[in-house]
Protein backbone atom coordinates (compact mmCIF):
# COMPACT_ATOMS: atom_id res chain seq x y z
CA GLY A 1 23.31 14.25 -54.57
CA ARG A 2 25.14 12.29 -51.82
CA PRO A 3 23.40 11.21 -48.77
CA PHE A 4 23.98 13.24 -45.44
CA VAL A 5 23.33 11.91 -41.75
CA LEU A 6 20.88 13.92 -40.16
CA MET A 7 21.28 13.35 -35.70
CA PHE A 8 17.90 15.02 -33.72
CA ASP A 9 17.13 14.52 -30.16
CA VAL A 10 13.46 13.33 -30.09
CA PRO A 11 12.14 13.47 -26.32
CA PHE A 12 8.60 11.51 -26.85
CA LEU A 13 10.97 8.45 -27.77
CA PRO A 14 10.76 5.67 -24.85
CA ARG A 15 14.45 5.28 -24.92
CA ARG A 16 16.21 8.88 -24.79
CA GLY A 17 19.07 9.85 -27.38
CA PHE A 18 19.65 10.27 -30.85
CA VAL A 19 17.48 8.95 -34.38
CA VAL A 20 20.15 9.08 -37.03
CA CYS A 21 18.50 9.38 -40.28
CA SER A 22 20.05 9.08 -43.48
CA CYS A 23 18.58 10.90 -46.53
CA HIS A 24 18.81 13.44 -49.08
CA ARG A 25 17.32 16.81 -49.09
CA ARG A 26 14.10 16.03 -48.97
CA CYS A 27 14.25 13.97 -46.09
CA LEU A 28 15.68 17.38 -44.19
CA THR A 29 12.23 18.90 -45.42
CA TRP A 30 10.07 16.21 -43.59
CA ALA A 31 12.56 16.04 -40.57
CA ALA A 32 12.11 20.14 -40.35
CA ILE A 33 8.08 19.45 -40.86
CA ALA A 34 8.11 17.07 -38.09
CA ALA A 35 10.26 18.93 -35.71
CA CYS A 36 7.74 21.93 -36.32
CA ALA A 37 4.54 19.85 -35.41
CA ALA A 38 6.38 18.46 -32.44
CA VAL A 39 7.26 21.82 -31.06
CA ALA A 40 3.62 23.17 -31.88
CA GLY A 41 1.82 19.99 -30.13
CA CYS A 42 3.87 20.81 -26.53
CA SER A 43 1.13 23.02 -25.48
CA ASP A 44 -1.87 20.65 -25.83
CA LYS A 45 -2.90 18.90 -22.15
CA ILE A 46 -5.72 16.71 -23.74
CA GLU A 47 -6.86 14.29 -21.50
CA ARG A 48 -4.99 11.04 -22.62
CA VAL A 49 -5.33 7.47 -21.71
CA PRO A 50 -2.85 4.78 -21.71
CA VAL A 51 -2.11 2.16 -24.52
CA GLN A 52 -0.47 -0.52 -24.78
CA GLY A 53 -0.35 -2.92 -27.84
CA ARG A 54 1.46 -5.63 -30.04
CA VAL A 55 2.24 -5.84 -33.73
CA LEU A 56 2.13 -8.93 -35.83
CA ILE A 57 3.37 -9.26 -38.83
CA ASP A 58 1.74 -12.52 -40.93
CA GLY A 59 1.21 -13.68 -37.25
CA GLN A 60 5.01 -13.43 -35.73
CA PRO A 61 6.05 -10.45 -33.49
CA LEU A 62 7.41 -7.49 -35.46
CA THR A 63 10.53 -7.00 -33.13
CA TYR A 64 12.09 -3.58 -34.66
CA GLY A 65 10.49 -0.62 -35.00
CA TYR A 66 7.97 1.87 -33.69
CA VAL A 67 4.42 2.59 -33.75
CA THR A 68 3.18 6.29 -34.24
CA VAL A 69 -0.71 7.22 -33.68
CA THR A 70 -1.35 10.52 -34.91
CA PRO A 71 -4.55 12.10 -33.52
CA GLN A 72 -6.27 15.31 -35.67
CA GLY A 73 -5.16 18.05 -33.85
CA ALA A 74 -2.96 16.78 -30.66
CA ARG A 75 0.75 16.00 -30.67
CA PRO A 76 1.39 12.38 -32.25
CA ALA A 77 2.13 9.25 -29.64
CA MET A 78 4.74 6.83 -30.24
CA GLY A 79 6.17 3.23 -29.13
CA GLU A 80 9.45 1.45 -29.47
CA LEU A 81 8.56 -2.10 -30.65
CA ASP A 82 10.51 -4.74 -27.93
CA GLN A 83 12.18 -8.34 -28.70
CA ASP A 84 8.36 -9.69 -28.64
CA GLY A 85 6.53 -6.59 -30.84
CA ARG A 86 4.88 -4.84 -27.43
CA PHE A 87 5.01 -1.01 -27.09
CA ASP A 88 3.71 1.85 -24.73
CA LEU A 89 2.33 4.89 -26.31
CA THR A 90 3.75 7.97 -25.25
CA THR A 91 2.65 11.50 -26.14
CA TYR A 92 5.26 13.79 -23.12
CA GLU A 93 5.89 11.24 -20.66
CA LEU A 94 6.48 7.60 -20.74
CA GLY A 95 3.58 5.86 -21.15
CA ASP A 96 1.19 8.32 -20.77
CA GLY A 97 -0.78 6.90 -24.18
CA THR A 98 -2.36 9.27 -26.21
CA VAL A 99 -6.09 11.12 -26.67
CA LEU A 100 -9.62 9.50 -26.78
CA GLY A 101 -10.73 9.04 -30.26
CA THR A 102 -10.12 6.92 -33.59
CA HIS A 103 -6.48 7.80 -35.03
CA PRO A 104 -4.41 6.70 -37.85
CA ILE A 105 -1.13 4.22 -37.20
CA THR A 106 2.38 3.98 -38.65
CA VAL A 107 4.73 1.06 -38.32
CA ASN A 108 8.09 2.32 -39.44
CA ALA A 109 10.39 -0.46 -39.22
CA GLY A 110 13.48 1.03 -41.30
CA GLU A 111 16.31 0.07 -39.88
CA VAL A 112 19.45 2.31 -40.94
CA LEU A 113 22.45 0.37 -41.70
CA ASP A 114 24.53 3.20 -43.16
CA SER A 115 24.63 6.24 -44.77
CA VAL A 116 23.14 4.89 -47.98
CA ARG A 117 21.25 1.49 -46.49
CA VAL A 118 18.25 1.04 -45.01
CA ARG A 119 16.33 -2.88 -43.74
CA TRP A 120 13.30 -2.80 -44.09
CA HIS A 121 12.08 -5.29 -41.16
CA ALA A 122 7.91 -4.38 -42.46
CA PRO A 123 6.86 -3.05 -45.91
CA LYS A 124 7.40 0.60 -46.25
CA LYS A 125 3.65 1.24 -46.72
CA TYR A 126 2.78 0.91 -43.45
CA ALA A 127 5.00 3.68 -42.49
CA GLY A 128 3.15 6.03 -44.13
CA LEU A 129 0.40 7.95 -42.89
CA SER A 130 -1.69 7.84 -45.78
CA SER A 131 -0.53 4.65 -46.76
CA SER A 132 -0.47 2.21 -44.26
CA GLY A 133 -4.39 2.07 -43.71
CA LEU A 134 -4.10 1.13 -40.22
CA SER A 135 -6.41 2.59 -37.41
CA ILE A 136 -6.59 2.59 -33.64
CA GLU A 137 -9.61 3.23 -31.48
CA VAL A 138 -8.90 4.79 -27.60
CA THR A 139 -11.51 4.58 -25.43
CA ARG A 140 -11.42 5.81 -21.83
CA GLU A 141 -11.54 1.63 -21.02
CA MET A 142 -8.61 0.46 -22.81
CA ASP A 143 -7.88 -2.76 -20.53
CA GLU A 144 -6.75 -5.48 -23.32
CA GLU A 145 -3.45 -5.38 -25.39
CA VAL A 146 -3.95 -3.65 -28.78
CA VAL A 147 -3.02 -5.79 -31.43
CA VAL A 148 -1.75 -4.36 -34.66
CA GLU A 149 -1.36 -6.99 -37.79
CA ILE A 150 0.10 -6.25 -40.55
CA THR A 151 1.57 -8.67 -43.30
CA TRP A 152 4.44 -9.24 -46.21
CA SER A 153 1.81 -10.01 -48.20
CA GLY A 154 4.66 -12.21 -49.74
CA GLY A 155 6.98 -10.10 -49.55
CA ALA A 156 10.75 -10.26 -47.40
CA PRO A 157 12.68 -8.57 -45.10
CA PHE A 158 14.92 -5.97 -47.44
CA VAL A 159 17.78 -3.76 -47.96
CA GLU A 160 17.02 -0.31 -49.63
CA SER A 161 19.97 1.57 -50.68
CA ALA A 162 19.62 5.52 -51.28
CA GLY A 163 18.09 6.16 -54.68
CA MET A 164 17.14 2.50 -55.08
CA SER A 165 13.91 0.77 -53.58
CA GLY A 166 13.91 -3.06 -53.01
CA GLU A 167 10.07 -3.11 -52.64
CA GLU A 168 7.76 -2.91 -56.07
């Protein structure tokens, strides 16, 4: 079928506004699941620790995308990457961090170009919770910047069109 554009407000992003997702029906299913998880997570008021970090891809700052930390049983925290690859995790309020413990991380660096194309600034595998292979240990003393290192493993940024993958 034809792709469609889905717009929804994501209040816990550092930069308020709309996220635009160009996708097929299966994406709508995932968006609905994410929205339900966000609403369900609104009541958790567990202790949080501010976390700042940086994402490096093959040793260089990743300058586009988001980092998401997904604690089990608590609301996810997100951070938008800046021009130096830096982020501050946000759960409810800007920079409030995430809960204590060891949690999986995803790095989503897919830039929507139009209704059918996405430019990937990092491998798609890092955007998946089950495929990223990344984690973070959050302690009360998070004095140092967290460094998340990812790699292209010989690949390079690519543009993917709906129904076609530019990555092996």
